Amino acid sequence: MPHHRETTPNPRLRHWASRLALLVACVSVVATSQAVSDDVLSEPYTGATVTLTTEAPRTRIPLVVRTTATKSPDKLVEAELKVLVSATWTPADPSQTAAPRLRAVLVEGESDFSGPEAGGALVAGQPVTTEAQTYLGRDCRLGMSCEWTTNLELVLEPNAAVGKVEVVWTATAQAHVVDTSSTPKGFTVIVSEP
């Protein structure tokens, strides 16, 4: 059966190919699916209502995400912050139809690292909801606690129709520990204003 011999590669070559495939598989597993504990959610935190106007179209609200554990492994913590933003526009002139746009973005600390922008056109007299979110980029090893400061930036786009926009917002964070599948004892996640 000469045909059969051609399709079977050299056994040593096949051995190397399978070892190489295994090595590549191991490397990609480490890169993508490191063990992580279950996500722990914070209680939702609702701050004071913010009013934006064409004269004061921008505000920055600092938020602190903090994780603590009673018995703490020396492992990295990864966290994510989501802020649900509900904005209601009241035009100064009720016949005004050109609606302003609101932009919401989370910017970590003093850095330029920010999550994707959220937002959209507002509707007179009706709440429009959007969600800003960001992965908290700075690595933190869980000693007794980890803390990240993030700014919620709310911006009325320039050339907006005259009026005011009332913004109600609620922040929720979630976090997990990397390199272990078990959640540390007493692991809690809290969102607050500083």
Protein backbone atom coordinates (compact mmCIF):
# COMPACT_ATOMS: atom_id res chain seq x y z
CA MET A 1 0.00 0.00 0.00
CA PRO A 2 2.36 2.76 -1.17
CA HIS A 3 -0.38 5.40 -0.99
CA HIS A 4 -0.77 4.88 2.76
CA ARG A 5 2.92 5.44 3.43
CA GLU A 6 2.88 8.84 1.71
CA THR A 7 0.11 10.24 3.94
CA THR A 8 1.86 9.24 7.17
CA PRO A 9 4.57 11.79 7.90
CA ASN A 10 7.84 10.85 9.55
CA PRO A 11 6.89 9.79 13.13
CA ARG A 12 9.57 12.04 14.66
CA LEU A 13 8.24 14.98 12.70
CA ARG A 14 4.72 14.16 13.84
CA HIS A 15 5.91 14.01 17.46
CA TRP A 16 7.43 17.50 17.16
CA ALA A 17 4.35 18.88 15.46
CA SER A 18 2.10 17.62 18.25
CA ARG A 19 4.48 18.99 20.92
CA LEU A 20 4.50 22.34 19.16
CA ALA A 21 0.70 22.36 18.93
CA LEU A 22 0.52 21.57 22.65
CA LEU A 23 3.00 24.33 23.49
CA VAL A 24 1.06 26.87 21.42
CA ALA A 25 -2.19 25.74 23.06
CA CYS A 26 -0.69 26.16 26.55
CA VAL A 27 0.61 29.64 25.79
CA SER A 28 -2.76 30.79 24.45
CA VAL A 29 -4.61 29.32 27.44
CA VAL A 30 -2.37 31.26 29.85
CA ALA A 31 -2.99 34.44 27.86
CA THR A 32 -6.75 34.14 27.67
CA SER A 33 -8.22 32.01 30.42
CA GLN A 34 -6.31 32.47 33.62
CA ALA A 35 -8.32 31.29 36.60
CA VAL A 36 -10.35 34.10 38.12
CA SER A 37 -12.72 34.16 41.06
CA ASP A 38 -16.39 34.93 40.55
CA ASP A 39 -17.28 38.59 40.06
CA VAL A 40 -18.46 40.26 43.24
CA LEU A 41 -20.83 43.19 42.73
CA SER A 42 -21.03 46.34 44.80
CA GLU A 43 -24.26 47.82 46.06
CA PRO A 44 -25.45 50.45 43.56
CA TYR A 45 -24.37 53.95 44.54
CA THR A 46 -26.56 56.88 43.49
CA GLY A 47 -25.07 60.35 43.76
CA ALA A 48 -26.71 63.76 43.78
CA THR A 49 -28.57 64.86 40.64
CA VAL A 50 -26.40 67.03 38.41
CA THR A 51 -27.69 69.95 36.33
CA LEU A 52 -25.89 70.94 33.14
CA THR A 53 -26.70 74.06 31.14
CA THR A 54 -25.34 75.67 27.98
CA GLU A 55 -23.39 78.07 30.27
CA ALA A 56 -22.03 75.23 32.45
CA PRO A 57 -21.98 72.30 30.03
CA ARG A 58 -19.47 70.05 31.79
CA THR A 59 -18.96 68.37 35.14
CA ARG A 60 -16.56 65.83 36.63
CA ILE A 61 -17.68 63.57 39.47
CA PRO A 62 -14.90 61.61 41.20
CA LEU A 63 -15.79 58.05 42.13
CA VAL A 64 -13.81 55.64 44.26
CA VAL A 65 -13.97 51.87 43.79
CA ARG A 66 -12.56 49.95 46.71
CA THR A 67 -12.16 46.23 47.25
CA THR A 68 -11.36 44.72 50.65
CA ALA A 69 -10.95 41.24 52.05
CA THR A 70 -10.66 39.95 55.59
CA LYS A 71 -8.26 37.20 54.57
CA SER A 72 -6.32 38.34 51.61
CA PRO A 73 -4.27 36.44 49.03
CA ASP A 74 -1.38 38.31 47.46
CA LYS A 75 -3.06 38.33 44.08
CA LEU A 76 -4.07 40.85 41.45
CA VAL A 77 -7.56 42.29 41.47
CA GLU A 78 -9.36 43.34 38.30
CA ALA A 79 -12.35 45.66 38.53
CA GLU A 80 -14.89 47.25 36.25
CA LEU A 81 -17.12 50.25 36.84
CA LYS A 82 -20.48 50.93 35.20
CA VAL A 83 -22.50 54.09 35.58
CA LEU A 84 -26.09 54.24 34.47
CA VAL A 85 -26.87 57.81 33.42
CA SER A 86 -30.39 59.12 32.92
CA ALA A 87 -30.64 62.64 31.46
CA THR A 88 -33.74 64.81 31.01
CA TRP A 89 -33.57 67.94 28.85
CA THR A 90 -35.80 70.95 29.48
CA PRO A 91 -35.42 73.48 26.64
CA ALA A 92 -35.62 77.18 27.51
CA ASP A 93 -37.89 77.60 24.51
CA PRO A 94 -40.51 74.80 24.34
CA SER A 95 -40.69 75.07 20.54
CA GLN A 96 -36.97 74.26 20.32
CA THR A 97 -36.59 70.97 18.48
CA ALA A 98 -32.81 70.73 17.93
CA ALA A 99 -31.92 68.48 20.85
CA PRO A 100 -28.53 68.68 22.57
CA ARG A 101 -26.27 65.65 22.89
CA LEU A 102 -24.86 64.41 26.18
CA ARG A 103 -21.58 62.55 26.41
CA ALA A 104 -20.70 60.38 29.41
CA VAL A 105 -17.25 58.86 29.86
CA LEU A 106 -15.26 57.40 32.74
CA VAL A 107 -11.68 58.64 32.99
CA GLU A 108 -9.37 56.89 35.43
CA GLY A 109 -7.53 59.11 37.91
CA GLU A 110 -5.38 61.81 36.37
CA SER A 111 -4.54 59.63 33.41
CA ASP A 112 -6.06 59.79 29.97
CA PHE A 113 -7.11 56.17 30.27
CA SER A 114 -10.84 56.19 29.70
CA GLY A 115 -13.59 53.79 28.88
CA PRO A 116 -15.63 53.98 25.70
CA GLU A 117 -17.80 57.07 25.34
CA ALA A 118 -21.52 56.68 25.86
CA GLY A 119 -24.35 59.08 25.25
CA GLY A 120 -26.62 60.38 22.58
CA ALA A 121 -29.27 62.90 21.64
CA LEU A 122 -31.65 64.02 24.38
CA VAL A 123 -35.40 64.38 24.13
CA ALA A 124 -37.31 67.30 25.67
CA GLY A 125 -39.05 66.28 28.87
CA GLN A 126 -38.15 62.60 28.61
CA PRO A 127 -35.34 60.77 30.40
CA VAL A 128 -32.77 59.27 28.04
CA THR A 129 -30.66 56.51 29.55
CA THR A 130 -27.12 55.54 28.66
CA GLU A 131 -24.41 53.52 30.36
CA ALA A 132 -20.75 54.46 30.69
CA GLN A 133 -18.33 51.75 31.68
CA THR A 134 -14.62 51.22 32.08
CA TYR A 135 -12.19 48.51 33.01
CA LEU A 136 -10.08 49.86 35.86
CA GLY A 137 -6.67 49.57 34.27
CA ARG A 138 -4.20 49.95 37.08
CA ASP A 139 -3.01 46.65 38.50
CA CYS A 140 -3.56 46.29 42.20
CA ARG A 141 -2.43 43.49 44.45
CA LEU A 142 -4.95 42.74 47.14
CA GLY A 143 -3.22 43.42 50.42
CA MET A 144 -6.05 44.41 52.71
CA SER A 145 -7.59 46.62 50.03
CA CYS A 146 -7.35 48.00 46.51
CA GLU A 147 -8.60 51.40 45.46
CA TRP A 148 -9.16 53.13 42.12
CA THR A 149 -10.30 56.70 41.53
CA THR A 150 -12.28 57.33 38.38
CA ASN A 151 -13.99 60.48 37.16
CA LEU A 152 -17.42 60.40 35.62
CA GLU A 153 -17.31 63.11 32.96
CA LEU A 154 -20.62 64.48 31.74
CA VAL A 155 -20.45 66.90 28.83
CA LEU A 156 -23.15 68.71 26.90
CA GLU A 157 -21.83 69.00 23.38
CA PRO A 158 -21.08 72.55 22.22
CA ASN A 159 -23.70 74.49 20.25
CA ALA A 160 -26.44 72.84 22.30
CA ALA A 161 -29.92 74.31 22.34
CA VAL A 162 -30.42 76.61 25.34
CA GLY A 163 -31.94 74.86 28.33
CA LYS A 164 -30.97 72.64 31.20
CA VAL A 165 -30.25 68.94 31.48
CA GLU A 166 -30.84 67.10 34.74
CA VAL A 167 -28.69 64.01 35.13
CA VAL A 168 -29.44 61.20 37.58
CA TRP A 169 -26.70 58.60 37.84
CA THR A 170 -26.04 55.29 39.61
CA ALA A 171 -22.65 53.57 39.75
CA THR A 172 -22.02 49.85 40.25
CA ALA A 173 -18.65 48.12 40.33
CA GLN A 174 -17.64 44.52 40.08
CA ALA A 175 -14.30 42.89 40.80
CA HIS A 176 -12.59 39.53 40.89
CA VAL A 177 -9.23 38.12 41.91
CA VAL A 178 -6.91 36.72 39.25
CA ASP A 179 -5.13 33.39 39.48
CA THR A 180 -7.52 31.70 41.88
CA SER A 181 -11.00 30.33 41.33
CA SER A 182 -12.06 30.89 44.93
CA THR A 183 -13.32 34.26 46.16
CA PRO A 184 -11.21 35.56 49.08
CA LYS A 185 -12.83 35.54 52.52
CA GLY A 186 -14.86 38.68 53.19
CA PHE A 187 -14.23 40.07 49.68
CA THR A 188 -16.34 43.21 49.19
CA VAL A 189 -16.60 45.86 46.50
CA ILE A 190 -17.75 49.39 47.33
CA VAL A 191 -18.39 52.44 45.13
CA SER A 192 -18.50 55.88 46.74
CA GLU A 193 -17.55 59.49 46.25
CA PRO A 194 -14.31 60.49 47.98
